[in-house]
């Protein structure tokens, strides 16, 4: 059974990212499951720190972006979600290629949601993040 309360498609999700941080970092949604979202981000110069590794902040941007989009799609079109806390454990260095993030809910409350976002490169867990968002009415 699906948790989503907003009609969505990969094209629609990717359109939400146009003209903002998601498009700047080339973050693209690539899979919608019944209770999860998946997005990818290429590891290019845009997302590397001076030592040539994937910047931890870029991983956090990926995690918060996918988690916030997922939270909105659960909360519904009359809601807005705002991040209140995010943490990230950077577990493995990445120099190139692509990373893939998967967001799954931990808690889906009326006013608070908690999401687990794991970022992988192939089989390796690169970053484990948890995002808490507040759900507010648009009006």
N, C-alpha and C. Protein backbone atom coordinates (compact mmCIF):
# COMPACT_ATOMS: atom_id res chain seq x y z
N UNK A 1 0.84 -1.18 0.00
CA UNK A 1 0.00 0.00 0.00
C UNK A 1 0.89 1.25 0.00
N UNK A 2 0.56 2.20 -0.83
CA UNK A 2 1.35 3.41 -1.00
C UNK A 2 1.11 4.42 0.12
N UNK A 3 2.17 5.12 0.51
CA UNK A 3 2.08 6.17 1.54
C UNK A 3 1.85 7.55 0.92
N UNK A 4 1.91 7.66 -0.38
CA UNK A 4 1.91 8.96 -1.05
C UNK A 4 0.51 9.55 -1.15
N UNK A 5 0.40 10.85 -0.85
CA UNK A 5 -0.88 11.57 -0.92
C UNK A 5 -0.87 12.66 -1.97
N UNK A 6 0.20 12.76 -2.72
CA UNK A 6 0.31 13.71 -3.83
C UNK A 6 0.57 12.88 -5.08
N UNK A 7 -0.20 13.11 -6.14
CA UNK A 7 0.10 12.39 -7.38
C UNK A 7 1.52 12.75 -7.84
N UNK A 8 2.30 11.74 -8.14
CA UNK A 8 3.68 12.05 -8.52
C UNK A 8 4.20 11.12 -9.58
N UNK A 9 5.16 11.65 -10.30
CA UNK A 9 5.88 10.90 -11.33
C UNK A 9 7.33 11.35 -11.26
N UNK A 10 8.20 10.60 -11.88
CA UNK A 10 9.61 11.01 -11.90
C UNK A 10 9.76 12.35 -12.61
N UNK A 11 9.04 12.55 -13.71
CA UNK A 11 9.10 13.83 -14.42
C UNK A 11 8.65 14.97 -13.51
N UNK A 12 7.57 14.77 -12.77
CA UNK A 12 7.05 15.80 -11.87
C UNK A 12 8.01 16.12 -10.74
N UNK A 13 8.59 15.08 -10.14
CA UNK A 13 9.56 15.30 -9.06
C UNK A 13 10.78 16.04 -9.58
N UNK A 14 11.27 15.64 -10.74
CA UNK A 14 12.45 16.30 -11.29
C UNK A 14 12.14 17.74 -11.70
N UNK A 15 10.92 18.02 -12.12
CA UNK A 15 10.52 19.39 -12.46
C UNK A 15 10.54 20.27 -11.21
N UNK A 16 10.20 19.70 -10.04
CA UNK A 16 10.24 20.48 -8.79
C UNK A 16 11.66 20.97 -8.50
N UNK A 17 12.65 20.27 -8.99
CA UNK A 17 14.03 20.63 -8.72
C UNK A 17 14.62 21.64 -9.69
N UNK A 18 13.89 21.99 -10.73
CA UNK A 18 14.43 22.93 -11.72
C UNK A 18 14.59 24.32 -11.13
N UNK A 19 15.74 24.92 -11.38
CA UNK A 19 16.00 26.29 -10.94
C UNK A 19 16.37 26.44 -9.48
N UNK A 20 16.67 25.35 -8.81
CA UNK A 20 17.08 25.44 -7.41
C UNK A 20 18.29 24.53 -7.16
N UNK A 21 18.58 24.27 -5.90
CA UNK A 21 19.76 23.50 -5.52
C UNK A 21 19.81 22.13 -6.20
N UNK A 22 18.67 21.48 -6.36
CA UNK A 22 18.67 20.16 -6.96
C UNK A 22 19.22 20.19 -8.37
N UNK A 23 18.78 21.16 -9.18
CA UNK A 23 19.28 21.22 -10.56
C UNK A 23 20.75 21.65 -10.58
N UNK A 24 21.15 22.54 -9.67
CA UNK A 24 22.54 22.97 -9.65
C UNK A 24 23.49 21.80 -9.39
N UNK A 25 23.08 20.89 -8.50
CA UNK A 25 23.93 19.73 -8.17
C UNK A 25 23.61 18.50 -9.01
N UNK A 26 22.70 18.66 -9.99
CA UNK A 26 22.33 17.57 -10.90
C UNK A 26 21.68 16.39 -10.18
N UNK A 27 20.92 16.68 -9.12
CA UNK A 27 20.19 15.64 -8.39
C UNK A 27 18.96 15.29 -9.20
N UNK A 28 18.77 13.99 -9.44
CA UNK A 28 17.66 13.51 -10.25
C UNK A 28 16.94 12.37 -9.53
N UNK A 29 15.62 12.46 -9.45
CA UNK A 29 14.83 11.36 -8.91
C UNK A 29 14.80 10.25 -9.95
N UNK A 30 14.96 9.01 -9.49
CA UNK A 30 15.05 7.90 -10.45
C UNK A 30 14.17 6.70 -10.10
N UNK A 31 13.52 6.72 -8.93
CA UNK A 31 12.64 5.59 -8.58
C UNK A 31 11.64 6.03 -7.52
N UNK A 32 10.41 5.57 -7.69
CA UNK A 32 9.34 5.79 -6.71
C UNK A 32 8.83 4.41 -6.30
N UNK A 33 8.91 4.11 -5.01
CA UNK A 33 8.35 2.87 -4.49
C UNK A 33 7.10 3.16 -3.68
N UNK A 34 6.46 2.15 -3.16
CA UNK A 34 5.26 2.36 -2.35
C UNK A 34 5.55 3.14 -1.08
N UNK A 35 6.76 3.02 -0.55
CA UNK A 35 7.12 3.73 0.69
C UNK A 35 8.54 4.28 0.66
N UNK A 36 9.06 4.58 -0.51
CA UNK A 36 10.41 5.14 -0.59
C UNK A 36 10.58 5.94 -1.89
N UNK A 37 11.57 6.83 -1.87
CA UNK A 37 12.01 7.57 -3.05
C UNK A 37 13.50 7.34 -3.22
N UNK A 38 13.95 7.35 -4.48
CA UNK A 38 15.37 7.21 -4.79
C UNK A 38 15.78 8.35 -5.72
N UNK A 39 16.93 8.94 -5.43
CA UNK A 39 17.50 9.99 -6.29
C UNK A 39 18.99 9.76 -6.41
N UNK A 40 19.56 10.28 -7.50
CA UNK A 40 21.00 10.13 -7.72
C UNK A 40 21.65 11.50 -7.86
N UNK A 41 22.97 11.52 -7.66
CA UNK A 41 23.75 12.74 -7.82
C UNK A 41 25.13 12.35 -8.34
N UNK A 42 25.54 12.93 -9.47
CA UNK A 42 26.89 12.64 -9.96
C UNK A 42 27.94 13.31 -9.07
N UNK A 43 29.06 12.64 -8.91
CA UNK A 43 30.16 13.19 -8.11
C UNK A 43 31.08 13.93 -9.09
N UNK A 44 30.81 15.22 -9.23
CA UNK A 44 31.57 16.10 -10.12
C UNK A 44 32.28 17.15 -9.28
N UNK A 45 32.99 18.03 -9.93
CA UNK A 45 33.71 19.10 -9.22
C UNK A 45 32.75 19.96 -8.40
N UNK A 46 31.49 20.08 -8.81
CA UNK A 46 30.51 20.89 -8.08
C UNK A 46 30.29 20.39 -6.66
N UNK A 47 30.45 19.10 -6.43
CA UNK A 47 30.11 18.53 -5.12
C UNK A 47 31.33 17.99 -4.36
N UNK A 48 32.52 18.36 -4.81
CA UNK A 48 33.74 17.88 -4.15
C UNK A 48 34.33 18.97 -3.25
N UNK A 49 35.01 18.52 -2.20
CA UNK A 49 35.77 19.43 -1.35
C UNK A 49 37.18 19.56 -1.93
N UNK A 50 38.01 20.48 -1.41
CA UNK A 50 39.32 20.74 -2.02
C UNK A 50 40.25 19.53 -2.14
N UNK A 51 40.06 18.50 -1.32
CA UNK A 51 40.90 17.31 -1.41
C UNK A 51 40.42 16.33 -2.48
N UNK A 52 39.37 16.70 -3.21
CA UNK A 52 38.89 15.87 -4.31
C UNK A 52 37.88 14.81 -3.93
N UNK A 53 37.37 14.88 -2.70
CA UNK A 53 36.38 13.91 -2.23
C UNK A 53 34.99 14.53 -2.23
N UNK A 54 33.97 13.69 -2.28
CA UNK A 54 32.59 14.16 -2.16
C UNK A 54 32.47 14.96 -0.86
N UNK A 55 31.99 16.17 -0.97
CA UNK A 55 31.83 17.06 0.18
C UNK A 55 30.68 16.55 1.05
N UNK A 56 30.90 16.49 2.36
CA UNK A 56 29.85 16.04 3.27
C UNK A 56 28.60 16.90 3.18
N UNK A 57 28.79 18.19 2.93
CA UNK A 57 27.64 19.08 2.78
C UNK A 57 26.80 18.74 1.57
N UNK A 58 27.44 18.28 0.50
CA UNK A 58 26.69 17.87 -0.69
C UNK A 58 25.85 16.62 -0.39
N UNK A 59 26.39 15.71 0.40
CA UNK A 59 25.62 14.54 0.81
C UNK A 59 24.41 14.96 1.63
N UNK A 60 24.59 15.96 2.50
CA UNK A 60 23.48 16.45 3.32
C UNK A 60 22.44 17.15 2.45
N UNK A 61 22.87 17.89 1.45
CA UNK A 61 21.92 18.51 0.51
C UNK A 61 21.10 17.43 -0.18
N UNK A 62 21.76 16.38 -0.65
CA UNK A 62 21.05 15.28 -1.29
C UNK A 62 20.05 14.65 -0.33
N UNK A 63 20.49 14.37 0.89
CA UNK A 63 19.62 13.73 1.88
C UNK A 63 18.41 14.61 2.21
N UNK A 64 18.65 15.90 2.48
CA UNK A 64 17.53 16.77 2.85
C UNK A 64 16.59 17.00 1.68
N UNK A 65 17.14 17.08 0.49
CA UNK A 65 16.30 17.30 -0.69
C UNK A 65 15.35 16.13 -0.94
N UNK A 66 15.88 14.93 -0.94
CA UNK A 66 15.03 13.77 -1.21
C UNK A 66 14.06 13.52 -0.05
N UNK A 67 14.54 13.71 1.19
CA UNK A 67 13.66 13.52 2.35
C UNK A 67 12.55 14.54 2.39
N UNK A 68 12.85 15.80 2.08
CA UNK A 68 11.83 16.84 2.09
C UNK A 68 10.79 16.62 0.99
N UNK A 69 11.23 16.22 -0.19
CA UNK A 69 10.28 15.93 -1.27
C UNK A 69 9.38 14.76 -0.88
N UNK A 70 9.96 13.73 -0.29
CA UNK A 70 9.17 12.58 0.16
C UNK A 70 8.15 13.01 1.22
N UNK A 71 8.60 13.83 2.17
CA UNK A 71 7.71 14.30 3.24
C UNK A 71 6.54 15.09 2.67
N UNK A 72 6.80 15.96 1.72
CA UNK A 72 5.73 16.73 1.08
C UNK A 72 4.73 15.80 0.39
N UNK A 73 5.24 14.80 -0.29
CA UNK A 73 4.35 13.89 -1.03
C UNK A 73 3.49 13.04 -0.10
N UNK A 74 3.91 12.88 1.14
CA UNK A 74 3.08 12.22 2.16
C UNK A 74 2.10 13.21 2.78
N UNK A 75 2.59 14.41 3.09
CA UNK A 75 1.78 15.41 3.79
C UNK A 75 0.61 15.91 2.95
N UNK A 76 0.81 16.03 1.65
CA UNK A 76 -0.26 16.46 0.76
C UNK A 76 -0.05 17.85 0.21
N UNK A 77 -0.80 18.16 -0.84
CA UNK A 77 -0.63 19.41 -1.57
C UNK A 77 -0.98 20.65 -0.76
N UNK A 78 -1.80 20.52 0.28
CA UNK A 78 -2.16 21.67 1.12
C UNK A 78 -1.20 21.89 2.27
N UNK A 79 -0.12 21.15 2.27
CA UNK A 79 0.86 21.25 3.36
C UNK A 79 2.19 21.74 2.82
N UNK A 80 2.99 22.26 3.71
CA UNK A 80 4.39 22.51 3.40
C UNK A 80 5.22 21.86 4.50
N UNK A 81 6.40 21.46 4.14
CA UNK A 81 7.27 20.82 5.13
C UNK A 81 8.54 21.65 5.27
N UNK A 82 9.01 21.75 6.49
CA UNK A 82 10.25 22.47 6.76
C UNK A 82 11.15 21.58 7.61
N UNK A 83 12.41 21.52 7.22
CA UNK A 83 13.36 20.73 7.99
C UNK A 83 13.61 21.36 9.34
N UNK A 84 13.63 20.53 10.38
CA UNK A 84 13.94 21.03 11.72
C UNK A 84 15.24 20.42 12.26
N UNK A 85 15.66 19.29 11.70
CA UNK A 85 16.91 18.69 12.15
C UNK A 85 17.36 17.68 11.11
N UNK A 86 18.66 17.66 10.85
CA UNK A 86 19.23 16.62 10.00
C UNK A 86 20.59 16.25 10.58
N UNK A 87 20.89 14.97 10.52
CA UNK A 87 22.23 14.55 10.89
C UNK A 87 22.74 13.63 9.80
N UNK A 88 24.04 13.48 9.74
CA UNK A 88 24.64 12.66 8.70
C UNK A 88 25.93 12.05 9.21
N UNK A 89 26.05 10.77 9.02
CA UNK A 89 27.30 10.07 9.32
C UNK A 89 27.95 9.73 7.97
N UNK A 90 29.12 10.32 7.73
CA UNK A 90 29.85 10.10 6.49
C UNK A 90 30.75 8.89 6.71
N UNK A 91 30.45 7.82 5.99
CA UNK A 91 31.05 6.52 6.30
C UNK A 91 32.14 6.07 5.33
N UNK A 92 32.13 6.61 4.12
CA UNK A 92 33.12 6.18 3.14
C UNK A 92 33.38 7.32 2.16
N UNK A 93 34.64 7.53 1.82
CA UNK A 93 35.00 8.58 0.87
C UNK A 93 34.63 8.17 -0.55
N UNK A 94 34.21 9.16 -1.33
CA UNK A 94 33.87 8.96 -2.73
C UNK A 94 34.63 9.99 -3.55
N UNK A 95 35.29 9.54 -4.62
CA UNK A 95 36.07 10.44 -5.47
C UNK A 95 35.41 10.74 -6.81
N UNK A 96 34.60 9.83 -7.31
CA UNK A 96 33.99 10.03 -8.63
C UNK A 96 32.78 9.12 -8.79
N UNK A 97 32.19 9.15 -9.95
CA UNK A 97 31.04 8.29 -10.23
C UNK A 97 29.73 8.97 -9.86
N UNK A 98 28.89 8.21 -9.21
CA UNK A 98 27.55 8.67 -8.85
C UNK A 98 27.18 8.08 -7.50
N UNK A 99 26.43 8.84 -6.71
CA UNK A 99 25.87 8.31 -5.47
C UNK A 99 24.35 8.27 -5.62
N UNK A 100 23.74 7.32 -4.91
CA UNK A 100 22.30 7.12 -4.99
C UNK A 100 21.74 7.13 -3.57
N UNK A 101 20.71 7.94 -3.37
CA UNK A 101 20.08 8.08 -2.05
C UNK A 101 18.70 7.44 -2.06
N UNK A 102 18.36 6.79 -0.95
CA UNK A 102 17.03 6.19 -0.78
C UNK A 102 16.45 6.71 0.53
N UNK A 103 15.27 7.33 0.43
CA UNK A 103 14.59 7.87 1.61
C UNK A 103 13.43 6.96 1.97
N UNK A 104 13.39 6.54 3.25
CA UNK A 104 12.30 5.73 3.78
C UNK A 104 11.82 6.34 5.08
N UNK A 105 10.51 6.30 5.33
CA UNK A 105 10.00 6.91 6.56
C UNK A 105 10.31 6.08 7.80
N UNK A 106 10.59 6.78 8.88
CA UNK A 106 10.69 6.16 10.20
C UNK A 106 9.41 6.45 10.98
N UNK A 107 8.91 7.70 10.86
CA UNK A 107 7.69 8.12 11.56
C UNK A 107 6.95 9.10 10.66
N UNK A 108 5.67 8.84 10.44
CA UNK A 108 4.83 9.71 9.62
C UNK A 108 3.69 10.25 10.48
N UNK A 109 3.97 11.30 11.22
CA UNK A 109 2.95 11.92 12.05
C UNK A 109 2.24 13.04 11.32
N UNK A 110 1.22 13.58 11.94
CA UNK A 110 0.46 14.67 11.35
C UNK A 110 1.27 15.96 11.28
N UNK A 111 2.08 16.22 12.29
CA UNK A 111 2.85 17.46 12.33
C UNK A 111 4.36 17.24 12.30
N UNK A 112 4.81 16.02 12.44
CA UNK A 112 6.23 15.71 12.44
C UNK A 112 6.47 14.42 11.67
N UNK A 113 7.47 14.43 10.83
CA UNK A 113 7.88 13.22 10.11
C UNK A 113 9.39 13.03 10.31
N UNK A 114 9.81 11.77 10.37
CA UNK A 114 11.22 11.44 10.46
C UNK A 114 11.54 10.47 9.32
N UNK A 115 12.61 10.78 8.59
CA UNK A 115 13.01 9.99 7.42
C UNK A 115 14.45 9.51 7.57
N UNK A 116 14.69 8.28 7.15
CA UNK A 116 16.03 7.71 7.06
C UNK A 116 16.46 7.81 5.61
N UNK A 117 17.61 8.40 5.38
CA UNK A 117 18.13 8.51 4.02
C UNK A 117 19.52 7.88 4.00
N UNK A 118 19.66 6.82 3.23
CA UNK A 118 20.96 6.16 3.07
C UNK A 118 21.48 6.45 1.68
N UNK A 119 22.74 6.85 1.61
CA UNK A 119 23.38 7.18 0.34
C UNK A 119 24.44 6.11 0.06
N UNK A 120 24.34 5.51 -1.11
CA UNK A 120 25.25 4.44 -1.52
C UNK A 120 26.00 4.82 -2.80
N UNK A 121 27.16 4.22 -2.96
CA UNK A 121 27.81 4.15 -4.25
C UNK A 121 27.99 2.67 -4.53
N UNK A 122 27.25 2.20 -5.51
CA UNK A 122 27.15 0.77 -5.77
C UNK A 122 26.69 0.06 -4.49
N UNK A 123 27.46 -0.86 -3.95
CA UNK A 123 27.05 -1.59 -2.75
C UNK A 123 27.52 -0.94 -1.46
N UNK A 124 28.35 0.09 -1.56
CA UNK A 124 28.95 0.70 -0.36
C UNK A 124 28.06 1.79 0.21
N UNK A 125 27.80 1.72 1.52
CA UNK A 125 27.09 2.78 2.21
C UNK A 125 28.06 3.94 2.44
N UNK A 126 27.76 5.08 1.85
CA UNK A 126 28.61 6.26 1.89
C UNK A 126 28.22 7.18 3.03
N UNK A 127 26.90 7.34 3.24
CA UNK A 127 26.39 8.28 4.24
C UNK A 127 25.05 7.78 4.74
N UNK A 128 24.85 7.86 6.04
CA UNK A 128 23.57 7.52 6.65
C UNK A 128 23.05 8.78 7.34
N UNK A 129 21.85 9.20 6.95
CA UNK A 129 21.32 10.46 7.44
C UNK A 129 19.90 10.27 7.97
N UNK A 130 19.52 11.13 8.91
CA UNK A 130 18.15 11.13 9.43
C UNK A 130 17.65 12.56 9.39
N UNK A 131 16.47 12.75 8.82
CA UNK A 131 15.87 14.07 8.65
C UNK A 131 14.54 14.12 9.39
N UNK A 132 14.36 15.18 10.18
CA UNK A 132 13.09 15.45 10.84
C UNK A 132 12.50 16.70 10.21
N UNK A 133 11.25 16.60 9.78
CA UNK A 133 10.55 17.76 9.20
C UNK A 133 9.27 18.04 9.97
N UNK A 134 8.93 19.33 10.00
CA UNK A 134 7.65 19.76 10.56
C UNK A 134 6.68 19.95 9.40
N UNK A 135 5.46 19.47 9.58
CA UNK A 135 4.42 19.61 8.58
C UNK A 135 3.52 20.78 8.99
N UNK A 136 3.38 21.75 8.10
CA UNK A 136 2.56 22.93 8.40
C UNK A 136 1.52 23.08 7.28
N UNK A 137 0.42 23.72 7.61
CA UNK A 137 -0.61 24.02 6.62
C UNK A 137 -0.14 25.20 5.78
N UNK A 138 -0.43 25.18 4.47
CA UNK A 138 -0.06 26.30 3.59
C UNK A 138 -0.86 27.55 3.92
N UNK A 139 -2.05 27.40 4.48
CA UNK A 139 -2.89 28.59 4.73
C UNK A 139 -2.62 29.23 6.05
